[in-house]
Protein backbone atom coordinates (compact mmCIF):
# COMPACT_ATOMS: atom_id res chain seq x y z
CA MET A 1 -8.18 -7.15 16.19
CA ALA A 2 -4.46 -7.06 16.83
CA VAL A 3 -3.19 -3.35 18.05
CA VAL A 4 -0.22 -2.12 16.31
CA LYS A 5 2.79 -1.86 19.75
CA ASN A 6 4.80 0.46 17.91
CA TYR A 7 4.31 4.11 18.61
CA THR A 8 6.11 5.26 15.65
CA THR A 9 3.19 4.40 13.83
CA VAL A 10 0.77 6.07 16.18
CA LYS A 11 2.77 9.26 15.34
CA ARG A 12 2.98 8.94 11.63
CA MET A 13 -0.76 8.91 11.67
CA LYS A 14 -1.09 11.94 14.19
CA ARG A 15 1.73 14.13 11.86
CA VAL A 16 -0.75 13.58 9.15
CA GLY A 17 -3.58 14.07 10.80
CA VAL A 18 -5.26 10.87 8.80
CA ASP A 19 -6.09 7.45 9.70
CA LEU A 20 -4.24 5.38 7.45
CA GLY A 21 -5.22 2.14 8.33
CA PHE A 22 -3.50 0.30 10.72
CA LYS A 23 -4.14 -1.52 12.94
CA THR A 24 -4.42 0.81 15.56
CA LYS A 25 -5.90 1.54 19.36
CA ASN A 26 -8.12 4.79 19.33
CA TYR A 27 -4.96 7.91 20.28
CA GLY A 28 -7.50 10.57 20.13
CA ASP A 29 -8.67 12.64 17.34
CA ILE A 30 -5.56 11.90 14.83
CA SER A 31 -7.81 14.51 12.10
CA SER A 32 -7.61 17.49 14.13
CA ARG A 33 -3.94 18.58 12.57
CA ARG A 34 -4.36 21.90 10.96
CA HIS A 35 -1.75 22.83 8.07
CA SER A 36 -1.22 26.73 8.35
CA SER A 37 0.58 26.91 4.42
CA ALA A 38 0.33 25.40 1.36
CA TYR A 39 3.73 24.08 1.63
CA SER A 40 3.48 21.99 4.49
CA GLU A 41 -0.33 20.94 3.35
CA GLN A 42 1.61 19.83 0.55
CA LEU A 43 4.56 17.94 2.51
CA CYS A 44 1.50 16.27 4.59
CA MET A 45 0.48 14.72 1.66
CA LYS A 46 3.59 13.32 0.42
CA GLN A 47 4.14 12.46 3.86
CA THR A 48 0.82 10.45 4.18
CA ILE A 49 1.01 8.58 0.69
CA ARG A 50 4.55 7.67 1.53
CA PHE A 51 3.43 6.58 5.42
CA TYR A 52 0.44 5.01 3.86
CA TYR A 53 2.80 2.74 1.39
CA GLY A 54 5.37 1.88 3.99
CA VAL A 55 8.27 3.47 1.29
CA LEU A 56 11.55 5.22 2.08
CA GLU A 57 11.74 9.18 1.62
CA LYS A 58 14.21 8.27 -1.37
CA GLN A 59 12.38 5.44 -2.65
CA PHE A 60 9.24 7.90 -2.51
CA GLN A 61 11.68 10.36 -4.62
CA ASN A 62 12.68 7.49 -7.18
CA TYR A 63 8.94 6.81 -8.08
CA TYR A 64 8.01 10.45 -8.78
CA ALA A 65 10.93 10.77 -11.04
CA LYS A 66 9.75 7.26 -12.85
CA ALA A 67 6.07 8.64 -12.93
CA GLU A 68 6.81 12.26 -14.65
CA LYS A 69 8.85 10.47 -17.44
CA GLN A 70 5.59 8.28 -18.25
CA LYS A 71 2.73 9.26 -20.29
CA GLY A 72 -0.34 10.46 -18.66
CA SER A 73 -1.05 11.83 -15.08
CA THR A 74 2.09 12.27 -13.10
CA GLY A 75 -0.04 11.90 -10.17
CA TYR A 76 -2.09 8.87 -11.16
CA ASN A 77 1.38 6.89 -12.70
CA LEU A 78 2.45 7.91 -9.07
CA LEU A 79 -0.20 6.13 -7.93
CA LEU A 80 -0.24 3.19 -9.76
CA LEU A 81 3.44 2.45 -9.32
CA LEU A 82 2.92 2.07 -5.62
CA GLU A 83 -0.21 0.42 -6.03
CA SER A 84 1.54 -2.09 -8.29
CA ARG A 85 4.36 -2.67 -5.37
CA LEU A 86 4.12 -6.77 -4.65
CA ASP A 87 4.10 -6.06 -1.05
CA ASN A 88 1.21 -3.81 -1.56
CA ILE A 89 -0.70 -6.06 -3.72
CA VAL A 90 -0.22 -8.99 -1.37
CA TYR A 91 -1.69 -6.92 1.34
CA SER A 92 -4.57 -6.01 -0.93
CA MET A 93 -5.22 -9.58 -1.61
CA GLY A 94 -5.95 -10.46 1.96
CA PHE A 95 -2.74 -12.68 2.90
CA ALA A 96 -1.26 -10.34 4.90
CA ALA A 97 -2.81 -7.75 7.82
CA THR A 98 -0.56 -5.02 7.54
CA ARG A 99 1.46 -3.48 4.39
CA LYS A 100 4.61 -4.56 6.44
CA GLU A 101 3.49 -7.97 7.65
CA ALA A 102 3.13 -8.34 3.52
CA ARG A 103 6.51 -7.04 3.24
CA GLN A 104 8.05 -9.45 5.69
CA LEU A 105 5.78 -12.28 3.73
CA VAL A 106 7.41 -11.38 0.38
CA SER A 107 11.18 -10.96 1.95
CA HIS A 108 10.63 -14.34 3.49
CA LYS A 109 9.96 -16.07 0.09
CA HIS A 110 6.33 -17.05 0.90
CA ILE A 111 5.09 -15.23 -2.36
CA LEU A 112 5.28 -16.68 -5.85
CA VAL A 113 4.49 -14.33 -8.96
CA ASN A 114 3.92 -16.70 -12.08
CA GLY A 115 4.98 -19.72 -10.66
CA LYS A 116 8.23 -18.00 -9.76
CA LEU A 117 9.30 -17.21 -6.28
CA VAL A 118 9.88 -13.56 -5.61
CA ASN A 119 11.11 -11.69 -2.16
CA ILE A 120 11.57 -8.14 -3.51
CA PRO A 121 8.81 -6.02 -1.89
CA SER A 122 8.84 -3.23 -4.30
CA TYR A 123 8.63 -5.83 -7.40
CA ARG A 124 6.14 -4.37 -9.63
CA CYS A 125 3.21 -5.94 -11.10
CA LYS A 126 1.80 -5.76 -14.10
CA GLN A 127 -1.94 -7.08 -15.42
CA GLY A 128 -2.31 -10.48 -15.87
CA ASP A 129 0.39 -11.38 -12.94
CA VAL A 130 -0.81 -14.56 -11.00
CA ILE A 131 0.39 -13.71 -7.06
CA ALA A 132 -0.16 -16.97 -5.03
CA LEU A 133 1.49 -18.27 -1.63
CA VAL A 134 3.97 -21.18 -1.39
CA GLU A 135 2.45 -24.60 -0.93
CA LYS A 136 3.69 -24.89 2.31
CA SER A 137 3.28 -21.20 3.35
CA LYS A 138 -0.65 -22.06 3.46
CA LYS A 139 -1.16 -23.51 6.93
CA HIS A 140 -0.15 -20.49 8.38
CA ILE A 141 -1.92 -19.20 11.04
CA ARG A 142 -1.29 -15.64 10.44
CA ILE A 143 -2.06 -16.11 6.72
CA ILE A 144 -5.23 -17.70 7.28
CA ALA A 145 -6.16 -15.12 10.00
CA ALA A 146 -5.04 -12.53 7.46
CA LEU A 147 -7.83 -13.76 5.11
CA GLU A 148 -10.63 -13.67 7.55
CA GLN A 149 -9.94 -10.44 8.22
CA ALA A 150 -9.69 -9.37 4.58
CA SER A 151 -12.88 -10.59 4.05
CA GLN A 152 -14.42 -7.93 6.35
CA ARG A 153 -12.76 -5.63 4.14
CA ASN A 154 -14.34 -3.89 0.71
CA GLU A 155 -13.37 -6.21 -2.36
CA VAL A 156 -11.13 -4.65 -4.66
CA GLU A 157 -12.42 -4.48 -8.02
CA TRP A 158 -9.16 -4.52 -9.96
CA LEU A 159 -7.43 -7.65 -8.06
CA ASP A 160 -9.33 -11.38 -8.50
CA VAL A 161 -8.68 -13.27 -5.79
CA ASP A 162 -9.38 -16.95 -4.93
CA THR A 163 -9.12 -17.66 -1.30
CA SER A 164 -9.40 -21.32 -1.30
CA ALA A 165 -6.39 -21.74 -3.60
CA MET A 166 -4.55 -18.71 -1.87
CA SER A 167 -3.63 -16.96 -4.95
CA GLY A 168 -5.01 -14.05 -7.37
CA THR A 169 -4.42 -12.19 -10.59
CA TYR A 170 -3.82 -8.68 -10.82
CA LYS A 171 -6.68 -8.30 -13.70
CA SER A 172 -6.18 -4.16 -14.02
CA TYR A 173 -5.14 -1.55 -13.14
CA PRO A 174 -6.71 0.87 -10.41
CA SER A 175 -8.68 3.62 -11.45
CA GLU A 176 -8.47 7.52 -9.68
CA SER A 177 -11.28 6.37 -8.07
CA ASP A 178 -10.09 3.15 -6.11
CA PHE A 179 -7.42 4.85 -4.58
CA PRO A 180 -8.39 6.36 -0.92
CA SER A 181 -10.53 9.19 -1.05
CA PHE A 182 -7.79 11.63 1.32
CA PHE A 183 -5.30 11.89 -1.34
CA LYS A 184 -5.05 14.55 -2.79
CA VAL A 185 -2.27 13.48 -5.66
CA ASN A 186 -1.88 16.73 -6.83
CA LEU A 187 -0.74 18.97 -3.72
CA VAL A 188 2.27 16.15 -4.14
CA VAL A 189 3.33 17.32 -8.05
CA GLU A 190 2.93 20.93 -6.82
CA LEU A 191 5.61 20.16 -4.15
CA TYR A 192 7.86 18.50 -6.61
CA SER A 193 7.23 21.15 -9.32
CA LYS A 194 8.57 23.47 -6.68
CA CYS A 195 11.78 20.98 -7.07
């Protein structure tokens, strides 16, 4: 397994006290962090989710504002917006080993959505969208290695992936149980409700 060399990634995991699923060596007990106040718990959860999806602070605030305006649970809407980003879908389908790598694939024009080239990582995918690699990218060693690595992960129920064709369909929106168990999005809602 490849190892993340960027120490910033490890610092982020230590800061929030959760293994965010990056490819890292064991840098000690990242779960030992304790938070002394409700505010620090809320802030930590916001950072955890933000780091997990690799979005900037301003982007996260914009996603929250959109989620708040939509019908239904603000917390679920927020996670759905983040999970539906094209870079996240590319990662979840197994075309990239990390979300950062998925973002590069999208930016460098390796990804088609419904047969059209899309190079915006934050592009919001919708139910029924077909995400595929451009033909010339299907032979890239890193992509082939990522697919092999992804075969060892749990299958993502809301995606239908054809690894031989290197394409997949966003068949349904994820349910609340599909998000990581350590996400406590209600803390994020509580944090922003004070603003």
